[in-house]
Amino acid sequence: MRTLALDTTTRAGSLALLDGDRLLDERTGDALRPHAERLPSEIIALLSTHGLTVADVDLFAVAAGPGSFTGLRIGIATIQGLAFVRQRPVVAVSALEALAQIGSRDSSRGDLVGAWIDAHRGDVFSALYGVAAAPMFEDARLVEIEGPAVDDPAATKERWSALTNASTVVLIGDRLPLDDARFTMVPPSPLAAVIGRMAVCRARRGEAITAAGIQPLYVRRPDAEVARERAKTLLRGGE
């Protein structure tokens, strides 16, 4: 089963190609160019390097969020389009869960892993997990302690400290609090390969979906939507 996995939650994002459980290739995108401008050519280049075309892909995987609203929409729409044309199944994976899988690599059962992503406006998207006695990339590897949320970093740290009874937390992501002894810091890494491996595990359990079934994980409402509602409120106030 050949799997094409895509992450557009960050400016650079990443793309990966797998054959079964084996990672054939993973590439990080050019952060200086918009996803919409470079994605088609990056996908074609990755596949052609391995003598493949889109028609040779059996499963598509994509980061469902949270992250850049524009990036998410472009990434999901790209995968939906490719999967729809070829009538292939899709798996959507939380970027926070993918980060936590990476953070759990050297962890043991009962350890804690926190994932967070820069949400801008001074906030982070975050989620907290406990590590279980299951293989990497399986859903059972992580037990959700706090689901996806958005808040400022200080409030997130304090909330987690209360939840974890002073246990040290492995923290993976960006905007890391490097001076906090309560957290063991792990810098972020490309997510596409992990998303692809998680997707393979889910597809084997029969959990793949159709292209139309992808639900973005925004966590926070888009700025444009908030601005529209604010404008409507102001207009009503002036009536």
C-alpha atoms as a PDB file:
ATOM      1  CA  MET A   1       0.000   0.000   0.000  1.00  0.00           C
ATOM      2  CA  ARG A   2       1.546   3.271  -1.150  1.00  0.00           C
ATOM      3  CA  THR A   3       0.659   6.268   0.985  1.00  0.00           C
ATOM      4  CA  LEU A   4       1.118   9.958   0.192  1.00  0.00           C
ATOM      5  CA  ALA A   5       1.050  12.151   3.325  1.00  0.00           C
ATOM      6  CA  LEU A   6       0.875  15.934   3.483  1.00  0.00           C
ATOM      7  CA  ASP A   7       1.270  18.490   6.276  1.00  0.00           C
ATOM      8  CA  THR A   8       0.491  22.156   5.640  1.00  0.00           C
ATOM      9  CA  THR A   9      -0.056  23.276   9.251  1.00  0.00           C
ATOM     10  CA  THR A  10       3.211  25.274   9.167  1.00  0.00           C
ATOM     11  CA  ARG A  11       4.630  27.680   6.609  1.00  0.00           C
ATOM     12  CA  ALA A  12       7.106  25.102   5.284  1.00  0.00           C
ATOM     13  CA  GLY A  13       5.056  21.954   5.796  1.00  0.00           C
ATOM     14  CA  SER A  14       6.224  18.574   4.563  1.00  0.00           C
ATOM     15  CA  LEU A  15       5.395  15.741   2.208  1.00  0.00           C
ATOM     16  CA  ALA A  16       6.099  12.008   2.571  1.00  0.00           C
ATOM     17  CA  LEU A  17       5.786   8.841   0.546  1.00  0.00           C
ATOM     18  CA  LEU A  18       5.498   5.405   2.154  1.00  0.00           C
ATOM     19  CA  ASP A  19       5.281   1.847   0.875  1.00  0.00           C
ATOM     20  CA  GLY A  20       3.522  -0.092   3.604  1.00  0.00           C
ATOM     21  CA  ASP A  21       5.385   0.711   6.820  1.00  0.00           C
ATOM     22  CA  ARG A  22       8.531   1.730   4.963  1.00  0.00           C
ATOM     23  CA  LEU A  23       9.273   5.427   4.502  1.00  0.00           C
ATOM     24  CA  LEU A  24      10.481   5.988   0.944  1.00  0.00           C
ATOM     25  CA  ASP A  25      10.940   9.750   1.121  1.00  0.00           C
ATOM     26  CA  GLU A  26      10.137  12.819   3.219  1.00  0.00           C
ATOM     27  CA  ARG A  27      10.657  16.393   2.098  1.00  0.00           C
ATOM     28  CA  THR A  28      10.230  19.764   3.782  1.00  0.00           C
ATOM     29  CA  GLY A  29       8.683  22.527   1.697  1.00  0.00           C
ATOM     30  CA  ASP A  30      10.019  25.956   0.812  1.00  0.00           C
ATOM     31  CA  ALA A  31       8.760  28.282   3.554  1.00  0.00           C
ATOM     32  CA  LEU A  32       9.330  31.315   1.322  1.00  0.00           C
ATOM     33  CA  ARG A  33       6.666  30.207  -1.173  1.00  0.00           C
ATOM     34  CA  PRO A  34       2.906  29.778  -0.510  1.00  0.00           C
ATOM     35  CA  HIS A  35       1.544  26.242  -0.344  1.00  0.00           C
ATOM     36  CA  ALA A  36      -0.901  26.918  -3.176  1.00  0.00           C
ATOM     37  CA  GLU A  37       1.941  27.927  -5.476  1.00  0.00           C
ATOM     38  CA  ARG A  38       4.278  24.996  -4.857  1.00  0.00           C
ATOM     39  CA  LEU A  39       2.171  21.999  -3.750  1.00  0.00           C
ATOM     40  CA  PRO A  40       1.263  20.537  -7.148  1.00  0.00           C
ATOM     41  CA  SER A  41       4.859  20.566  -8.387  1.00  0.00           C
ATOM     42  CA  GLU A  42       6.213  19.242  -5.054  1.00  0.00           C
ATOM     43  CA  ILE A  43       3.819  16.284  -5.129  1.00  0.00           C
ATOM     44  CA  ILE A  44       4.628  15.453  -8.750  1.00  0.00           C
ATOM     45  CA  ALA A  45       8.376  15.760  -8.092  1.00  0.00           C
ATOM     46  CA  LEU A  46       8.235  13.470  -5.052  1.00  0.00           C
ATOM     47  CA  LEU A  47       6.271  10.776  -6.890  1.00  0.00           C
ATOM     48  CA  SER A  48       8.295  10.977 -10.106  1.00  0.00           C
ATOM     49  CA  THR A  49      11.546  10.525  -8.166  1.00  0.00           C
ATOM     50  CA  HIS A  50      10.268   7.052  -7.300  1.00  0.00           C
ATOM     51  CA  GLY A  51       8.858   6.328 -10.748  1.00  0.00           C
ATOM     52  CA  LEU A  52       5.273   6.871  -9.634  1.00  0.00           C
ATOM     53  CA  THR A  53       2.271   9.032 -10.469  1.00  0.00           C
ATOM     54  CA  VAL A  54      -0.793  10.002  -8.465  1.00  0.00           C
ATOM     55  CA  ALA A  55      -2.566   6.986  -9.949  1.00  0.00           C
ATOM     56  CA  ASP A  56      -0.108   4.717  -8.075  1.00  0.00           C
ATOM     57  CA  VAL A  57      -1.110   6.071  -4.632  1.00  0.00           C
ATOM     58  CA  ASP A  58      -3.430   3.788  -2.650  1.00  0.00           C
ATOM     59  CA  LEU A  59      -4.002   5.971   0.417  1.00  0.00           C
ATOM     60  CA  PHE A  60      -3.853   9.719   1.037  1.00  0.00           C
ATOM     61  CA  ALA A  61      -3.123  11.239   4.444  1.00  0.00           C
ATOM     62  CA  VAL A  62      -3.279  14.853   5.591  1.00  0.00           C
ATOM     63  CA  ALA A  63      -2.827  16.934   8.723  1.00  0.00           C
ATOM     64  CA  ALA A  64      -6.290  18.058   9.831  1.00  0.00           C
ATOM     65  CA  GLY A  65      -4.931  20.844  12.045  1.00  0.00           C
ATOM     66  CA  PRO A  66      -4.649  22.914  14.082  1.00  0.00           C
ATOM     67  CA  GLY A  67      -2.324  25.360  12.384  1.00  0.00           C
ATOM     68  CA  SER A  68      -2.390  28.047   9.731  1.00  0.00           C
ATOM     69  CA  PHE A  69      -5.996  28.427   8.533  1.00  0.00           C
ATOM     70  CA  THR A  70      -4.936  29.103   4.947  1.00  0.00           C
ATOM     71  CA  GLY A  71      -2.408  26.273   4.963  1.00  0.00           C
ATOM     72  CA  LEU A  72      -4.970  23.827   6.356  1.00  0.00           C
ATOM     73  CA  ARG A  73      -7.566  24.688   3.756  1.00  0.00           C
ATOM     74  CA  ILE A  74      -5.078  24.330   0.904  1.00  0.00           C
ATOM     75  CA  GLY A  75      -3.635  21.059   2.191  1.00  0.00           C
ATOM     76  CA  ILE A  76      -7.011  19.449   2.828  1.00  0.00           C
ATOM     77  CA  ALA A  77      -8.429  20.652  -0.501  1.00  0.00           C
ATOM     78  CA  THR A  78      -5.378  19.279  -2.330  1.00  0.00           C
ATOM     79  CA  ILE A  79      -5.704  15.827  -0.764  1.00  0.00           C
ATOM     80  CA  GLN A  80      -9.480  15.821  -1.265  1.00  0.00           C
ATOM     81  CA  GLY A  81      -9.035  16.622  -4.939  1.00  0.00           C
ATOM     82  CA  LEU A  82      -6.422  13.916  -5.530  1.00  0.00           C
ATOM     83  CA  ALA A  83      -8.373  11.297  -3.576  1.00  0.00           C
ATOM     84  CA  PHE A  84     -11.703  12.170  -5.223  1.00  0.00           C
ATOM     85  CA  VAL A  85     -10.375  11.912  -8.771  1.00  0.00           C
ATOM     86  CA  ARG A  86      -8.795   8.505  -8.090  1.00  0.00           C
ATOM     87  CA  GLN A  87     -11.526   7.317  -5.690  1.00  0.00           C
ATOM     88  CA  ARG A  88      -8.946   6.564  -3.018  1.00  0.00           C
ATOM     89  CA  PRO A  89      -9.435   6.505   0.784  1.00  0.00           C
ATOM     90  CA  VAL A  90      -8.155   9.256   3.059  1.00  0.00           C
ATOM     91  CA  VAL A  91      -7.005   9.496   6.673  1.00  0.00           C
ATOM     92  CA  ALA A  92      -6.912  12.866   8.466  1.00  0.00           C
ATOM     93  CA  VAL A  93      -4.558  13.153  11.463  1.00  0.00           C
ATOM     94  CA  SER A  94      -4.312  15.775  14.209  1.00  0.00           C
ATOM     95  CA  ALA A  95      -1.004  17.643  13.963  1.00  0.00           C
ATOM     96  CA  LEU A  96      -0.893  17.762  17.771  1.00  0.00           C
ATOM     97  CA  GLU A  97      -1.250  13.988  17.994  1.00  0.00           C
ATOM     98  CA  ALA A  98       1.450  13.516  15.339  1.00  0.00           C
ATOM     99  CA  LEU A  99       3.800  15.768  17.316  1.00  0.00           C
ATOM    100  CA  ALA A 100       3.052  13.819  20.497  1.00  0.00           C
ATOM    101  CA  GLN A 101       3.860  10.546  18.731  1.00  0.00           C
ATOM    102  CA  ILE A 102       7.309  11.941  17.909  1.00  0.00           C
ATOM    103  CA  GLY A 103       7.709  13.226  21.477  1.00  0.00           C
ATOM    104  CA  SER A 104       6.858   9.786  22.868  1.00  0.00           C
ATOM    105  CA  ARG A 105       9.649   8.030  20.961  1.00  0.00           C
ATOM    106  CA  ASP A 106      11.952   7.689  23.992  1.00  0.00           C
ATOM    107  CA  SER A 107       9.165   7.587  26.566  1.00  0.00           C
ATOM    108  CA  SER A 108       7.859   4.732  28.679  1.00  0.00           C
ATOM    109  CA  ARG A 109       4.389   3.788  29.837  1.00  0.00           C
ATOM    110  CA  GLY A 110       2.988   6.461  32.153  1.00  0.00           C
ATOM    111  CA  ASP A 111       5.197   9.275  30.855  1.00  0.00           C
ATOM    112  CA  LEU A 112       3.549  12.527  29.762  1.00  0.00           C
ATOM    113  CA  VAL A 113       3.892  14.260  26.417  1.00  0.00           C
ATOM    114  CA  GLY A 114       2.607  17.728  25.596  1.00  0.00           C
ATOM    115  CA  ALA A 115       2.384  19.055  22.031  1.00  0.00           C
ATOM    116  CA  TRP A 116       2.007  22.651  21.051  1.00  0.00           C
ATOM    117  CA  ILE A 117       2.031  24.751  17.928  1.00  0.00           C
ATOM    118  CA  ASP A 118       2.391  28.513  17.579  1.00  0.00           C
ATOM    119  CA  ALA A 119      -1.157  29.868  17.179  1.00  0.00           C
ATOM    120  CA  HIS A 120       0.025  33.489  16.844  1.00  0.00           C
ATOM    121  CA  ARG A 121      -1.748  36.306  18.723  1.00  0.00           C
ATOM    122  CA  GLY A 122       0.501  35.266  21.639  1.00  0.00           C
ATOM    123  CA  ASP A 123      -1.187  31.848  21.965  1.00  0.00           C
ATOM    124  CA  VAL A 124      -0.349  28.192  21.361  1.00  0.00           C
ATOM    125  CA  PHE A 125      -2.469  25.280  20.196  1.00  0.00           C
ATOM    126  CA  SER A 126      -1.871  22.455  22.633  1.00  0.00           C
ATOM    127  CA  ALA A 127      -2.816  18.956  23.769  1.00  0.00           C
ATOM    128  CA  LEU A 128      -1.520  16.725  26.570  1.00  0.00           C
ATOM    129  CA  TYR A 129      -1.168  12.940  26.431  1.00  0.00           C
ATOM    130  CA  GLY A 130      -0.087  10.008  28.581  1.00  0.00           C
ATOM    131  CA  VAL A 131       2.095   7.333  26.990  1.00  0.00           C
ATOM    132  CA  ALA A 132       0.662   3.797  26.949  1.00  0.00           C
ATOM    133  CA  ALA A 133       2.254   0.395  26.320  1.00  0.00           C
ATOM    134  CA  ALA A 134       1.471   0.340  22.594  1.00  0.00           C
ATOM    135  CA  PRO A 135       3.690   0.584  19.500  1.00  0.00           C
ATOM    136  CA  MET A 136       4.627   3.923  17.957  1.00  0.00           C
ATOM    137  CA  PHE A 137       2.111   5.365  15.507  1.00  0.00           C
ATOM    138  CA  GLU A 138      -0.820   3.355  16.859  1.00  0.00           C
ATOM    139  CA  ASP A 139      -3.652   5.450  18.338  1.00  0.00           C
ATOM    140  CA  ALA A 140      -3.407   3.390  21.531  1.00  0.00           C
ATOM    141  CA  ARG A 141       0.120   4.727  22.052  1.00  0.00           C
ATOM    142  CA  LEU A 142      -1.328   7.979  23.439  1.00  0.00           C
ATOM    143  CA  VAL A 143      -4.036   8.535  26.038  1.00  0.00           C
ATOM    144  CA  GLU A 144      -5.554  12.012  25.857  1.00  0.00           C
ATOM    145  CA  ILE A 145      -5.343  13.900  29.153  1.00  0.00           C
ATOM    146  CA  GLU A 146      -6.291  17.312  27.773  1.00  0.00           C
ATOM    147  CA  GLY A 147      -7.722  17.661  24.283  1.00  0.00           C
ATOM    148  CA  PRO A 148      -6.821  20.286  21.679  1.00  0.00           C
ATOM    149  CA  ALA A 149      -6.989  23.787  23.142  1.00  0.00           C
ATOM    150  CA  VAL A 150      -5.732  27.302  22.485  1.00  0.00           C
ATOM    151  CA  ASP A 151      -4.354  29.584  25.207  1.00  0.00           C
ATOM    152  CA  ASP A 152      -1.277  31.613  26.082  1.00  0.00           C
ATOM    153  CA  PRO A 153       1.847  29.544  26.914  1.00  0.00           C
ATOM    154  CA  ALA A 154       1.991  30.528  30.594  1.00  0.00           C
ATOM    155  CA  ALA A 155      -1.627  29.556  31.239  1.00  0.00           C
ATOM    156  CA  THR A 156      -1.126  26.270  29.384  1.00  0.00           C
ATOM    157  CA  LYS A 157       1.929  25.382  31.479  1.00  0.00           C
ATOM    158  CA  GLU A 158       0.176  26.162  34.740  1.00  0.00           C
ATOM    159  CA  ARG A 159      -2.884  24.170  33.746  1.00  0.00           C
ATOM    160  CA  TRP A 160      -0.747  21.175  32.831  1.00  0.00           C
ATOM    161  CA  SER A 161       1.252  21.415  36.049  1.00  0.00           C
ATOM    162  CA  ALA A 162      -1.998  21.142  38.002  1.00  0.00           C
ATOM    163  CA  LEU A 163      -3.180  18.201  35.888  1.00  0.00           C
ATOM    164  CA  THR A 164       0.055  16.232  36.151  1.00  0.00           C
ATOM    165  CA  ASN A 165       0.856  16.646  39.877  1.00  0.00           C
ATOM    166  CA  ALA A 166       4.320  18.093  39.218  1.00  0.00           C
ATOM    167  CA  SER A 167       5.392  15.210  36.915  1.00  0.00           C
ATOM    168  CA  THR A 168       7.896  16.229  34.256  1.00  0.00           C
ATOM    169  CA  VAL A 169       6.316  16.601  30.818  1.00  0.00           C
ATOM    170  CA  VAL A 170       8.091  16.001  27.512  1.00  0.00           C
ATOM    171  CA  LEU A 171       7.122  19.059  25.492  1.00  0.00           C
ATOM    172  CA  ILE A 172       7.440  19.038  21.711  1.00  0.00           C
ATOM    173  CA  GLY A 173       6.708  21.903  19.364  1.00  0.00           C
ATOM    174  CA  ASP A 174       7.643  25.507  18.760  1.00  0.00           C
ATOM    175  CA  ARG A 175       7.784  28.505  21.134  1.00  0.00           C
ATOM    176  CA  LEU A 176       9.233  26.169  23.805  1.00  0.00           C
ATOM    177  CA  PRO A 177       9.721  27.580  27.369  1.00  0.00           C
ATOM    178  CA  LEU A 178      13.423  26.770  27.511  1.00  0.00           C
ATOM    179  CA  ASP A 179      13.891  27.973  31.092  1.00  0.00           C
ATOM    180  CA  ASP A 180      11.235  25.771  32.722  1.00  0.00           C
ATOM    181  CA  ALA A 181      12.587  22.710  34.577  1.00  0.00           C
ATOM    182  CA  ARG A 182       9.138  21.090  34.631  1.00  0.00           C
ATOM    183  CA  PHE A 183       9.399  20.383  30.902  1.00  0.00           C
ATOM    184  CA  THR A 184      11.853  18.334  28.849  1.00  0.00           C
ATOM    185  CA  MET A 185      12.080  20.132  25.513  1.00  0.00           C
ATOM    186  CA  VAL A 186      11.989  18.373  22.141  1.00  0.00           C
ATOM    187  CA  PRO A 187      12.208  20.617  19.049  1.00  0.00           C
ATOM    188  CA  PRO A 188       9.635  20.046  16.307  1.00  0.00           C
ATOM    189  CA  SER A 189      10.398  17.972  13.227  1.00  0.00           C
ATOM    190  CA  PRO A 190       8.577  17.415   9.903  1.00  0.00           C
ATOM    191  CA  LEU A 191       5.225  15.701  10.425  1.00  0.00           C
ATOM    192  CA  ALA A 192       4.392  14.153   7.058  1.00  0.00           C
ATOM    193  CA  ALA A 193       6.171  10.829   7.678  1.00  0.00           C
ATOM    194  CA  VAL A 194       4.526  10.385  11.094  1.00  0.00           C
ATOM    195  CA  ILE A 195       1.132  11.321   9.655  1.00  0.00           C
ATOM    196  CA  GLY A 196       1.663   8.736   6.927  1.00  0.00           C
ATOM    197  CA  ARG A 197       2.588   6.000   9.403  1.00  0.00           C
ATOM    198  CA  MET A 198      -0.395   6.813  11.615  1.00  0.00           C
ATOM    199  CA  ALA A 199      -2.624   6.761   8.540  1.00  0.00           C
ATOM    200  CA  VAL A 200      -1.384   3.308   7.544  1.00  0.00           C
ATOM    201  CA  CYS A 201      -2.223   1.971  11.028  1.00  0.00           C
ATOM    202  CA  ARG A 202      -5.715   3.453  10.879  1.00  0.00           C
ATOM    203  CA  ALA A 203      -6.364   2.245   7.332  1.00  0.00           C
ATOM    204  CA  ARG A 204      -5.468  -1.298   8.366  1.00  0.00           C
ATOM    205  CA  ARG A 205      -8.108  -1.060  11.077  1.00  0.00           C
ATOM    206  CA  GLY A 206     -10.650   0.041   8.484  1.00  0.00           C
ATOM    207  CA  GLU A 207     -10.732   3.665   9.682  1.00  0.00           C
ATOM    208  CA  ALA A 208      -9.988   5.413   6.385  1.00  0.00           C
ATOM    209  CA  ILE A 209     -12.709   7.741   5.090  1.00  0.00           C
ATOM    210  CA  THR A 210     -13.814   9.270   1.816  1.00  0.00           C
ATOM    211  CA  ALA A 211     -12.398  12.587   0.662  1.00  0.00           C
ATOM    212  CA  ALA A 212     -15.612  14.385   1.597  1.00  0.00           C
ATOM    213  CA  GLY A 213     -15.384  13.145   5.184  1.00  0.00           C
ATOM    214  CA  ILE A 214     -12.349  15.208   6.229  1.00  0.00           C
ATOM    215  CA  GLN A 215     -13.142  17.574   9.108  1.00  0.00           C
ATOM    216  CA  PRO A 216     -10.594  20.359   9.763  1.00  0.00           C
ATOM    217  CA  LEU A 217      -9.405  20.731  13.361  1.00  0.00           C
ATOM    218  CA  TYR A 218      -9.312  24.509  13.685  1.00  0.00           C
ATOM    219  CA  VAL A 219      -9.612  24.778  17.536  1.00  0.00           C
ATOM    220  CA  ARG A 220      -9.923  28.540  17.119  1.00  0.00           C
ATOM    221  CA  ARG A 221     -12.212  30.364  14.700  1.00  0.00           C
ATOM    222  CA  PRO A 222     -10.536  31.980  11.667  1.00  0.00           C
ATOM    223  CA  ASP A 223      -9.693  35.677  11.972  1.00  0.00           C
ATOM    224  CA  ALA A 224     -11.832  36.502   8.928  1.00  0.00           C
ATOM    225  CA  GLU A 225     -14.906  34.919  10.525  1.00  0.00           C
ATOM    226  CA  VAL A 226     -14.365  36.809  13.788  1.00  0.00           C
ATOM    227  CA  ALA A 227     -13.899  40.062  11.862  1.00  0.00           C
ATOM    228  CA  ARG A 228     -17.147  39.537   9.923  1.00  0.00           C
ATOM    229  CA  GLU A 229     -19.119  38.971  13.110  1.00  0.00           C
ATOM    230  CA  ARG A 230     -17.547  42.041  14.734  1.00  0.00           C
ATOM    231  CA  ALA A 231     -18.457  44.141  11.694  1.00  0.00           C
ATOM    232  CA  LYS A 232     -22.062  42.862  11.779  1.00  0.00           C
ATOM    233  CA  THR A 233     -22.312  43.694  15.484  1.00  0.00           C
ATOM    234  CA  LEU A 234     -21.028  47.207  14.877  1.00  0.00           C
ATOM    235  CA  LEU A 235     -23.507  47.706  12.036  1.00  0.00           C
ATOM    236  CA  ARG A 236     -26.412  46.512  14.192  1.00  0.00           C
ATOM    237  CA  GLY A 237     -25.304  48.842  16.924  1.00  0.00           C
ATOM    238  CA  GLY A 238     -25.497  51.774  14.538  1.00  0.00           C
ATOM    239  CA  GLU A 239     -29.020  50.996  13.373  1.00  0.00           C
END
